[in-house]
């Protein structure tokens, strides 16, 4: 399924009714997207030592897309994914956070969502919007020295 169709299908599933002209749209800011994606750092932490030194291999991008779909749509964890798939997921995750922060700094809204989207669905929405079939906006980085920060994302703890 195309990324846009998958994203819209997920939103419909999560709000429980079709997206039509009566559904108001709001935009998540860059910081809200960072806050939604930040918990994925804990998913990467146990495999970081094994994954961060691997080269980025484009032939695993489709498998990474499938892993994202399985996690978001069926809550299937990534534990059994091959190491090169993890590397694709890590790169996309890191680049999505950088992209979100740059949009926050520029004051640009980043991601449209229907008003009333449950807070619990925002991570899945951000993953489908940014990570699924992601065309990397920046060159692939050498992640061998990557250390994931501990703790919560910087910013307000207020519910949005």
Protein backbone atom coordinates (compact mmCIF):
# COMPACT_ATOMS: atom_id res chain seq x y z
CA UNK A 1 0.00 0.00 0.00
CA UNK A 2 1.27 3.49 -0.78
CA UNK A 3 2.59 5.46 2.17
CA UNK A 4 -0.12 8.15 1.90
CA UNK A 5 -2.92 5.58 1.73
CA UNK A 6 -1.49 3.67 4.68
CA UNK A 7 -1.21 6.87 6.73
CA UNK A 8 -4.80 7.89 5.96
CA UNK A 9 -6.11 4.38 6.63
CA UNK A 10 -4.37 4.39 10.01
CA UNK A 11 -5.88 7.78 10.91
CA UNK A 12 -9.37 6.55 10.00
CA UNK A 13 -8.86 3.44 12.12
CA UNK A 14 -7.67 5.48 15.09
CA UNK A 15 -10.38 8.18 15.05
CA UNK A 16 -13.09 5.63 14.30
CA UNK A 17 -14.78 7.38 11.38
CA UNK A 18 -14.00 8.48 7.82
CA UNK A 19 -11.96 11.57 7.14
CA UNK A 20 -14.27 13.98 5.38
CA UNK A 21 -14.81 17.72 5.24
CA UNK A 22 -16.36 17.70 8.72
CA UNK A 23 -13.10 16.54 10.32
CA UNK A 24 -10.93 19.47 11.34
CA UNK A 25 -7.22 19.14 10.66
CA UNK A 26 -4.50 20.29 13.00
CA UNK A 27 -0.75 20.13 12.55
CA UNK A 28 1.79 18.60 14.87
CA UNK A 29 4.78 20.84 15.45
CA UNK A 30 8.30 19.58 15.07
CA UNK A 31 8.60 19.26 18.85
CA UNK A 32 5.35 17.30 19.07
CA UNK A 33 6.71 14.91 16.44
CA UNK A 34 9.98 14.57 18.37
CA UNK A 35 7.98 13.80 21.52
CA UNK A 36 5.99 11.16 19.63
CA UNK A 37 9.09 9.48 18.16
CA UNK A 38 11.37 9.84 21.19
CA UNK A 39 10.22 6.62 22.95
CA UNK A 40 11.64 4.65 20.01
CA UNK A 41 15.07 5.40 21.48
CA UNK A 42 14.24 2.78 24.11
CA UNK A 43 13.43 0.28 21.36
CA UNK A 44 16.83 0.87 19.74
CA UNK A 45 18.86 0.95 22.95
CA UNK A 46 19.20 -2.86 23.44
CA UNK A 47 20.48 -3.40 19.87
CA UNK A 48 22.43 -0.18 19.42
CA UNK A 49 25.87 -1.76 19.93
CA UNK A 50 25.18 -4.31 17.18
CA UNK A 51 23.43 -1.99 14.74
CA UNK A 52 25.23 1.33 14.84
CA UNK A 53 28.37 0.09 13.10
CA UNK A 54 26.56 -1.59 10.21
CA UNK A 55 26.52 0.06 6.79
CA UNK A 56 23.24 1.39 5.45
CA UNK A 57 22.10 -1.12 2.80
CA UNK A 58 19.32 0.14 0.57
CA UNK A 59 18.17 -3.37 -0.34
CA UNK A 60 16.68 -3.65 3.18
CA UNK A 61 14.46 -0.57 2.88
CA UNK A 62 11.35 -2.56 1.88
CA UNK A 63 11.84 -4.87 4.87
CA UNK A 64 12.12 -1.80 7.10
CA UNK A 65 8.83 -0.50 5.67
CA UNK A 66 7.22 -3.84 6.45
CA UNK A 67 8.63 -3.74 10.01
CA UNK A 68 7.15 -0.27 10.52
CA UNK A 69 3.76 -1.43 9.25
CA UNK A 70 3.83 -4.48 11.51
CA UNK A 71 4.73 -2.45 14.58
CA UNK A 72 2.21 0.33 13.99
CA UNK A 73 -0.71 -1.71 12.67
CA UNK A 74 -0.31 -5.00 14.54
CA UNK A 75 1.94 -4.14 17.51
CA UNK A 76 4.48 -6.70 16.28
CA UNK A 77 7.81 -5.81 17.91
CA UNK A 78 10.98 -5.58 15.87
CA UNK A 79 12.87 -8.14 17.96
CA UNK A 80 13.22 -10.67 15.13
CA UNK A 81 14.23 -8.20 12.42
CA UNK A 82 17.58 -8.72 10.72
CA UNK A 83 20.39 -6.39 11.79
CA UNK A 84 20.51 -4.55 8.41
CA UNK A 85 16.78 -3.77 8.79
CA UNK A 86 17.46 -2.32 12.23
CA UNK A 87 20.15 -0.13 10.65
CA UNK A 88 17.63 1.28 8.14
CA UNK A 89 15.14 1.89 10.96
CA UNK A 90 17.77 3.60 13.11
CA UNK A 91 18.86 5.92 10.30
CA UNK A 92 15.29 6.87 9.49
CA UNK A 93 14.51 7.47 13.14
CA UNK A 94 17.53 9.69 13.67
CA UNK A 95 16.92 11.66 10.48
CA UNK A 96 13.22 12.10 11.29
CA UNK A 97 14.14 13.62 14.66
CA UNK A 98 16.62 15.99 13.02
CA UNK A 99 14.03 16.95 10.40
CA UNK A 100 11.42 17.56 13.09
CA UNK A 101 13.80 19.72 15.12
CA UNK A 102 14.70 21.78 12.06
CA UNK A 103 11.01 22.36 11.35
CA UNK A 104 10.45 23.31 14.98
CA UNK A 105 13.28 25.81 14.84
CA UNK A 106 11.90 27.31 11.62
CA UNK A 107 8.39 27.46 13.08
CA UNK A 108 6.98 25.18 10.38
CA UNK A 109 4.10 22.84 11.15
CA UNK A 110 5.25 19.35 10.29
CA UNK A 111 2.48 16.82 10.13
CA UNK A 112 -1.29 17.04 9.55
CA UNK A 113 -3.52 14.98 11.81
CA UNK A 114 -7.27 14.97 12.36
CA UNK A 115 -8.41 16.87 15.42
CA UNK A 116 -9.24 14.35 18.10
CA UNK A 117 -6.55 11.84 17.17
CA UNK A 118 -5.82 10.01 20.43
CA UNK A 119 -2.46 10.85 21.97
CA UNK A 120 -1.59 7.15 21.95
CA UNK A 121 -1.91 7.11 18.15
CA UNK A 122 0.51 9.95 17.50
CA UNK A 123 3.63 7.81 17.53
CA UNK A 124 2.15 5.46 14.94
CA UNK A 125 0.99 8.39 12.84
CA UNK A 126 4.47 9.98 12.98
CA UNK A 127 6.11 6.69 12.05
CA UNK A 128 3.85 6.20 9.05
CA UNK A 129 4.11 9.84 7.97
CA UNK A 130 7.89 10.20 8.31
CA UNK A 131 9.60 6.81 8.59
CA UNK A 132 7.56 4.62 6.24
CA UNK A 133 9.04 4.71 2.72
CA UNK A 134 11.25 7.57 3.89
CA UNK A 135 13.48 9.21 1.33
CA UNK A 136 16.36 10.26 3.53
CA UNK A 137 16.61 14.06 3.58
CA UNK A 138 20.27 14.00 4.63
CA UNK A 139 23.28 11.85 3.71
CA UNK A 140 23.56 8.61 5.64
CA UNK A 141 25.53 9.29 8.79
CA UNK A 142 28.27 7.23 10.38
CA UNK A 143 26.49 6.04 13.52
CA UNK A 144 29.42 4.13 15.06
CA UNK A 145 29.79 6.68 17.86
CA UNK A 146 26.06 7.15 18.42
CA UNK A 147 24.86 7.23 21.99
CA UNK A 148 21.14 7.55 22.58
CA UNK A 149 20.20 10.16 25.16
CA UNK A 150 18.49 8.99 28.30
CA UNK A 151 15.33 10.44 29.70
CA UNK A 152 12.44 12.24 28.17
CA UNK A 153 12.48 14.51 25.18
CA UNK A 154 13.24 18.11 26.04
CA UNK A 155 10.22 20.31 26.22
CA UNK A 156 6.92 20.66 27.96
CA UNK A 157 5.23 17.73 29.62
CA UNK A 158 1.83 19.30 28.95
CA UNK A 159 -0.67 17.15 27.07
CA UNK A 160 -1.41 18.48 23.58
